[in-house]
Amino acid sequence: MNRINLSFALGLGLTVVISFFHGAAQISDVSLLIGLLAASLITGVAMSVSSESESE
């Protein structure tokens, strides 16, 4: 469970940093932000599934 929160927080932080570098005022940056958010969420879920199967 901690891994999900950690990876999601890292992805969210990375998204915020990148959006600041890009200006975050354009539509393309919004879609990039959403894409990175989804990627971090998918990564968190995948890590959680793999860690759960390891514990079993």
PDB file of N, CA and C in Angstrom:
ATOM      1  N   MET A   1       0.837  -1.203   0.000  1.00  0.00           N
ATOM      2  CA  MET A   1       0.000   0.000   0.000  1.00  0.00           C
ATOM      3  C   MET A   1       0.878   1.262   0.000  1.00  0.00           C
ATOM      4  N   ASN A   2       1.978   1.201   0.743  1.00  0.00           N
ATOM      5  CA  ASN A   2       2.882   2.345   0.757  1.00  0.00           C
ATOM      6  C   ASN A   2       3.514   2.588  -0.609  1.00  0.00           C
ATOM      7  N   ARG A   3       3.741   1.490  -1.344  1.00  0.00           N
ATOM      8  CA  ARG A   3       4.341   1.624  -2.671  1.00  0.00           C
ATOM      9  C   ARG A   3       3.432   2.390  -3.618  1.00  0.00           C
ATOM     10  N   ILE A   4       2.129   2.137  -3.554  1.00  0.00           N
ATOM     11  CA  ILE A   4       1.186   2.862  -4.410  1.00  0.00           C
ATOM     12  C   ILE A   4       1.270   4.352  -4.112  1.00  0.00           C
ATOM     13  N   ASN A   5       1.179   4.697  -2.840  1.00  0.00           N
ATOM     14  CA  ASN A   5       1.190   6.102  -2.444  1.00  0.00           C
ATOM     15  C   ASN A   5       2.502   6.772  -2.835  1.00  0.00           C
ATOM     16  N   LEU A   6       3.613   6.062  -2.662  1.00  0.00           N
ATOM     17  CA  LEU A   6       4.922   6.615  -2.986  1.00  0.00           C
ATOM     18  C   LEU A   6       5.062   6.857  -4.485  1.00  0.00           C
ATOM     19  N   SER A   7       4.717   5.856  -5.292  1.00  0.00           N
ATOM     20  CA  SER A   7       4.867   5.997  -6.742  1.00  0.00           C
ATOM     21  C   SER A   7       3.897   7.035  -7.294  1.00  0.00           C
ATOM     22  N   PHE A   8       2.684   7.089  -6.711  1.00  0.00           N
ATOM     23  CA  PHE A   8       1.714   8.078  -7.163  1.00  0.00           C
ATOM     24  C   PHE A   8       2.174   9.480  -6.792  1.00  0.00           C
ATOM     25  N   ALA A   9       2.733   9.634  -5.591  1.00  0.00           N
ATOM     26  CA  ALA A   9       3.249  10.934  -5.164  1.00  0.00           C
ATOM     27  C   ALA A   9       4.419  11.368  -6.045  1.00  0.00           C
ATOM     28  N   LEU A  10       5.291  10.421  -6.392  1.00  0.00           N
ATOM     29  CA  LEU A  10       6.415  10.728  -7.276  1.00  0.00           C
ATOM     30  C   LEU A  10       5.919  11.150  -8.656  1.00  0.00           C
ATOM     31  N   GLY A  11       4.954  10.410  -9.181  1.00  0.00           N
ATOM     32  CA  GLY A  11       4.394  10.742 -10.486  1.00  0.00           C
ATOM     33  C   GLY A  11       3.706  12.097 -10.475  1.00  0.00           C
ATOM     34  N   LEU A  12       2.974  12.363  -9.390  1.00  0.00           N
ATOM     35  CA  LEU A  12       2.274  13.636  -9.254  1.00  0.00           C
ATOM     36  C   LEU A  12       3.273  14.781  -9.157  1.00  0.00           C
ATOM     37  N   GLY A  13       4.317  14.593  -8.361  1.00  0.00           N
ATOM     38  CA  GLY A  13       5.348  15.618  -8.221  1.00  0.00           C
ATOM     39  C   GLY A  13       6.053  15.891  -9.540  1.00  0.00           C
ATOM     40  N   LEU A  14       6.377  14.817 -10.262  1.00  0.00           N
ATOM     41  CA  LEU A  14       7.030  14.941 -11.560  1.00  0.00           C
ATOM     42  C   LEU A  14       6.130  15.690 -12.541  1.00  0.00           C
ATOM     43  N   THR A  15       4.832  15.375 -12.504  1.00  0.00           N
ATOM     44  CA  THR A  15       3.862  16.039 -13.368  1.00  0.00           C
ATOM     45  C   THR A  15       3.808  17.532 -13.085  1.00  0.00           C
ATOM     46  N   VAL A  16       3.789  17.889 -11.802  1.00  0.00           N
ATOM     47  CA  VAL A  16       3.739  19.302 -11.410  1.00  0.00           C
ATOM     48  C   VAL A  16       4.990  20.032 -11.875  1.00  0.00           C
ATOM     49  N   VAL A  17       6.156  19.413 -11.662  1.00  0.00           N
ATOM     50  CA  VAL A  17       7.424  20.030 -12.072  1.00  0.00           C
ATOM     51  C   VAL A  17       7.457  20.251 -13.582  1.00  0.00           C
ATOM     52  N   ILE A  18       7.080  19.211 -14.337  1.00  0.00           N
ATOM     53  CA  ILE A  18       7.089  19.310 -15.800  1.00  0.00           C
ATOM     54  C   ILE A  18       6.095  20.368 -16.275  1.00  0.00           C
ATOM     55  N   SER A  19       4.920  20.419 -15.631  1.00  0.00           N
ATOM     56  CA  SER A  19       3.916  21.397 -16.044  1.00  0.00           C
ATOM     57  C   SER A  19       4.408  22.819 -15.782  1.00  0.00           C
ATOM     58  N   PHE A  20       5.162  23.017 -14.701  1.00  0.00           N
ATOM     59  CA  PHE A  20       5.730  24.342 -14.430  1.00  0.00           C
ATOM     60  C   PHE A  20       6.764  24.705 -15.489  1.00  0.00           C
ATOM     61  N   PHE A  21       7.589  23.735 -15.883  1.00  0.00           N
ATOM     62  CA  PHE A  21       8.605  23.996 -16.899  1.00  0.00           C
ATOM     63  C   PHE A  21       7.971  24.339 -18.244  1.00  0.00           C
ATOM     64  N   HIS A  22       6.826  23.746 -18.530  1.00  0.00           N
ATOM     65  CA  HIS A  22       6.175  23.969 -19.820  1.00  0.00           C
ATOM     66  C   HIS A  22       5.232  25.163 -19.804  1.00  0.00           C
ATOM     67  N   GLY A  23       4.937  25.705 -18.621  1.00  0.00           N
ATOM     68  CA  GLY A  23       4.055  26.857 -18.555  1.00  0.00           C
ATOM     69  C   GLY A  23       2.644  26.494 -18.145  1.00  0.00           C
ATOM     70  N   ALA A  24       2.214  25.284 -18.443  1.00  0.00           N
ATOM     71  CA  ALA A  24       0.926  24.732 -18.021  1.00  0.00           C
ATOM     72  C   ALA A  24      -0.267  25.570 -18.471  1.00  0.00           C
ATOM     73  N   ALA A  25      -0.076  26.434 -19.478  1.00  0.00           N
ATOM     74  CA  ALA A  25      -1.167  27.292 -19.925  1.00  0.00           C
ATOM     75  C   ALA A  25      -1.784  26.787 -21.225  1.00  0.00           C
ATOM     76  N   GLN A  26      -1.116  25.819 -21.869  1.00  0.00           N
ATOM     77  CA  GLN A  26      -1.589  25.353 -23.164  1.00  0.00           C
ATOM     78  C   GLN A  26      -2.345  24.040 -23.025  1.00  0.00           C
ATOM     79  N   ILE A  27      -3.232  23.782 -23.977  1.00  0.00           N
ATOM     80  CA  ILE A  27      -4.050  22.565 -23.943  1.00  0.00           C
ATOM     81  C   ILE A  27      -3.164  21.324 -24.039  1.00  0.00           C
ATOM     82  N   SER A  28      -2.099  21.398 -24.827  1.00  0.00           N
ATOM     83  CA  SER A  28      -1.200  20.251 -24.984  1.00  0.00           C
ATOM     84  C   SER A  28      -0.550  19.895 -23.652  1.00  0.00           C
ATOM     85  N   ASP A  29      -0.258  20.915 -22.834  1.00  0.00           N
ATOM     86  CA  ASP A  29       0.325  20.656 -21.519  1.00  0.00           C
ATOM     87  C   ASP A  29      -0.688  19.998 -20.598  1.00  0.00           C
ATOM     88  N   VAL A  30      -1.956  20.362 -20.743  1.00  0.00           N
ATOM     89  CA  VAL A  30      -2.995  19.741 -19.926  1.00  0.00           C
ATOM     90  C   VAL A  30      -3.117  18.259 -20.271  1.00  0.00           C
ATOM     91  N   SER A  31      -3.089  17.944 -21.563  1.00  0.00           N
ATOM     92  CA  SER A  31      -3.180  16.538 -21.969  1.00  0.00           C
ATOM     93  C   SER A  31      -1.934  15.766 -21.538  1.00  0.00           C
ATOM     94  N   LEU A  32      -0.768  16.432 -21.570  1.00  0.00           N
ATOM     95  CA  LEU A  32       0.465  15.817 -21.086  1.00  0.00           C
ATOM     96  C   LEU A  32       0.359  15.525 -19.596  1.00  0.00           C
ATOM     97  N   LEU A  33      -0.189  16.481 -18.853  1.00  0.00           N
ATOM     98  CA  LEU A  33      -0.357  16.337 -17.412  1.00  0.00           C
ATOM     99  C   LEU A  33      -1.275  15.171 -17.097  1.00  0.00           C
ATOM    100  N   ILE A  34      -2.396  15.080 -17.822  1.00  0.00           N
ATOM    101  CA  ILE A  34      -3.341  13.974 -17.619  1.00  0.00           C
ATOM    102  C   ILE A  34      -2.681  12.641 -17.966  1.00  0.00           C
ATOM    103  N   GLY A  35      -1.902  12.621 -19.038  1.00  0.00           N
ATOM    104  CA  GLY A  35      -1.218  11.396 -19.441  1.00  0.00           C
ATOM    105  C   GLY A  35      -0.208  10.927 -18.400  1.00  0.00           C
ATOM    106  N   LEU A  36       0.563  11.866 -17.849  1.00  0.00           N
ATOM    107  CA  LEU A  36       1.539  11.517 -16.814  1.00  0.00           C
ATOM    108  C   LEU A  36       0.843  11.043 -15.550  1.00  0.00           C
ATOM    109  N   LEU A  37      -0.278  11.684 -15.215  1.00  0.00           N
ATOM    110  CA  LEU A  37      -1.045  11.292 -14.037  1.00  0.00           C
ATOM    111  C   LEU A  37      -1.548   9.862 -14.195  1.00  0.00           C
ATOM    112  N   ALA A  38      -2.090   9.559 -15.378  1.00  0.00           N
ATOM    113  CA  ALA A  38      -2.584   8.205 -15.646  1.00  0.00           C
ATOM    114  C   ALA A  38      -1.434   7.195 -15.606  1.00  0.00           C
ATOM    115  N   ALA A  39      -0.294   7.566 -16.160  1.00  0.00           N
ATOM    116  CA  ALA A  39       0.867   6.668 -16.162  1.00  0.00           C
ATOM    117  C   ALA A  39       1.342   6.366 -14.748  1.00  0.00           C
ATOM    118  N   SER A  40       1.361   7.393 -13.887  1.00  0.00           N
ATOM    119  CA  SER A  40       1.797   7.174 -12.506  1.00  0.00           C
ATOM    120  C   SER A  40       0.807   6.301 -11.752  1.00  0.00           C
ATOM    121  N   LEU A  41      -0.482   6.481 -12.048  1.00  0.00           N
ATOM    122  CA  LEU A  41      -1.510   5.663 -11.399  1.00  0.00           C
ATOM    123  C   LEU A  41      -1.386   4.208 -11.839  1.00  0.00           C
ATOM    124  N   ILE A  42      -1.198   3.987 -13.147  1.00  0.00           N
ATOM    125  CA  ILE A  42      -1.033   2.628 -13.676  1.00  0.00           C
ATOM    126  C   ILE A  42       0.217   1.973 -13.083  1.00  0.00           C
ATOM    127  N   THR A  43       1.293   2.745 -12.970  1.00  0.00           N
ATOM    128  CA  THR A  43       2.528   2.230 -12.372  1.00  0.00           C
ATOM    129  C   THR A  43       2.298   1.817 -10.929  1.00  0.00           C
ATOM    130  N   GLY A  44       1.568   2.649 -10.187  1.00  0.00           N
ATOM    131  CA  GLY A  44       1.261   2.340  -8.788  1.00  0.00           C
ATOM    132  C   GLY A  44       0.455   1.070  -8.653  1.00  0.00           C
ATOM    133  N   VAL A  45      -0.551   0.902  -9.511  1.00  0.00           N
ATOM    134  CA  VAL A  45      -1.385  -0.305  -9.480  1.00  0.00           C
ATOM    135  C   VAL A  45      -0.550  -1.534  -9.836  1.00  0.00           C
ATOM    136  N   ALA A  46       0.282  -1.417 -10.864  1.00  0.00           N
ATOM    137  CA  ALA A  46       1.118  -2.541 -11.287  1.00  0.00           C
ATOM    138  C   ALA A  46       2.096  -2.944 -10.189  1.00  0.00           C
ATOM    139  N   MET A  47       2.696  -1.958  -9.510  1.00  0.00           N
ATOM    140  CA  MET A  47       3.621  -2.247  -8.416  1.00  0.00           C
ATOM    141  C   MET A  47       2.885  -2.919  -7.268  1.00  0.00           C
ATOM    142  N   SER A  48       1.665  -2.481  -7.003  1.00  0.00           N
ATOM    143  CA  SER A  48       0.882  -3.060  -5.911  1.00  0.00           C
ATOM    144  C   SER A  48       0.537  -4.509  -6.214  1.00  0.00           C
ATOM    145  N   VAL A  49       0.166  -4.795  -7.461  1.00  0.00           N
ATOM    146  CA  VAL A  49      -0.177  -6.163  -7.855  1.00  0.00           C
ATOM    147  C   VAL A  49       1.042  -7.072  -7.736  1.00  0.00           C
ATOM    148  N   SER A  50       2.192  -6.596  -8.195  1.00  0.00           N
ATOM    149  CA  SER A  50       3.406  -7.415  -8.142  1.00  0.00           C
ATOM    150  C   SER A  50       3.851  -7.640  -6.698  1.00  0.00           C
ATOM    151  N   SER A  51       3.707  -6.635  -5.840  1.00  0.00           N
ATOM    152  CA  SER A  51       4.114  -6.798  -4.442  1.00  0.00           C
ATOM    153  C   SER A  51       3.146  -7.719  -3.708  1.00  0.00           C
ATOM    154  N   GLU A  52       1.866  -7.685  -4.081  1.00  0.00           N
ATOM    155  CA  GLU A  52       0.888  -8.578  -3.460  1.00  0.00           C
ATOM    156  C   GLU A  52       1.154 -10.026  -3.860  1.00  0.00           C
ATOM    157  N   SER A  53       1.481 -10.265  -5.118  1.00  0.00           N
ATOM    158  CA  SER A  53       1.748 -11.634  -5.572  1.00  0.00           C
ATOM    159  C   SER A  53       3.051 -12.154  -4.956  1.00  0.00           C
ATOM    160  N   GLU A  54       3.994 -11.270  -4.665  1.00  0.00           N
ATOM    161  CA  GLU A  54       5.236 -11.683  -4.008  1.00  0.00           C
ATOM    162  C   GLU A  54       4.979 -12.109  -2.570  1.00  0.00           C
ATOM    163  N   SER A  55       4.090 -11.385  -1.879  1.00  0.00           N
ATOM    164  CA  SER A  55       3.826 -11.695  -0.473  1.00  0.00           C
ATOM    165  C   SER A  55       3.071 -13.012  -0.334  1.00  0.00           C
ATOM    166  N   GLU A  56       2.313 -13.392  -1.359  1.00  0.00           N
ATOM    167  CA  GLU A  56       1.612 -14.682  -1.328  1.00  0.00           C
ATOM    168  C   GLU A  56       2.589 -15.785  -1.709  1.00  0.00           C
TER     169      GLU A  56
END
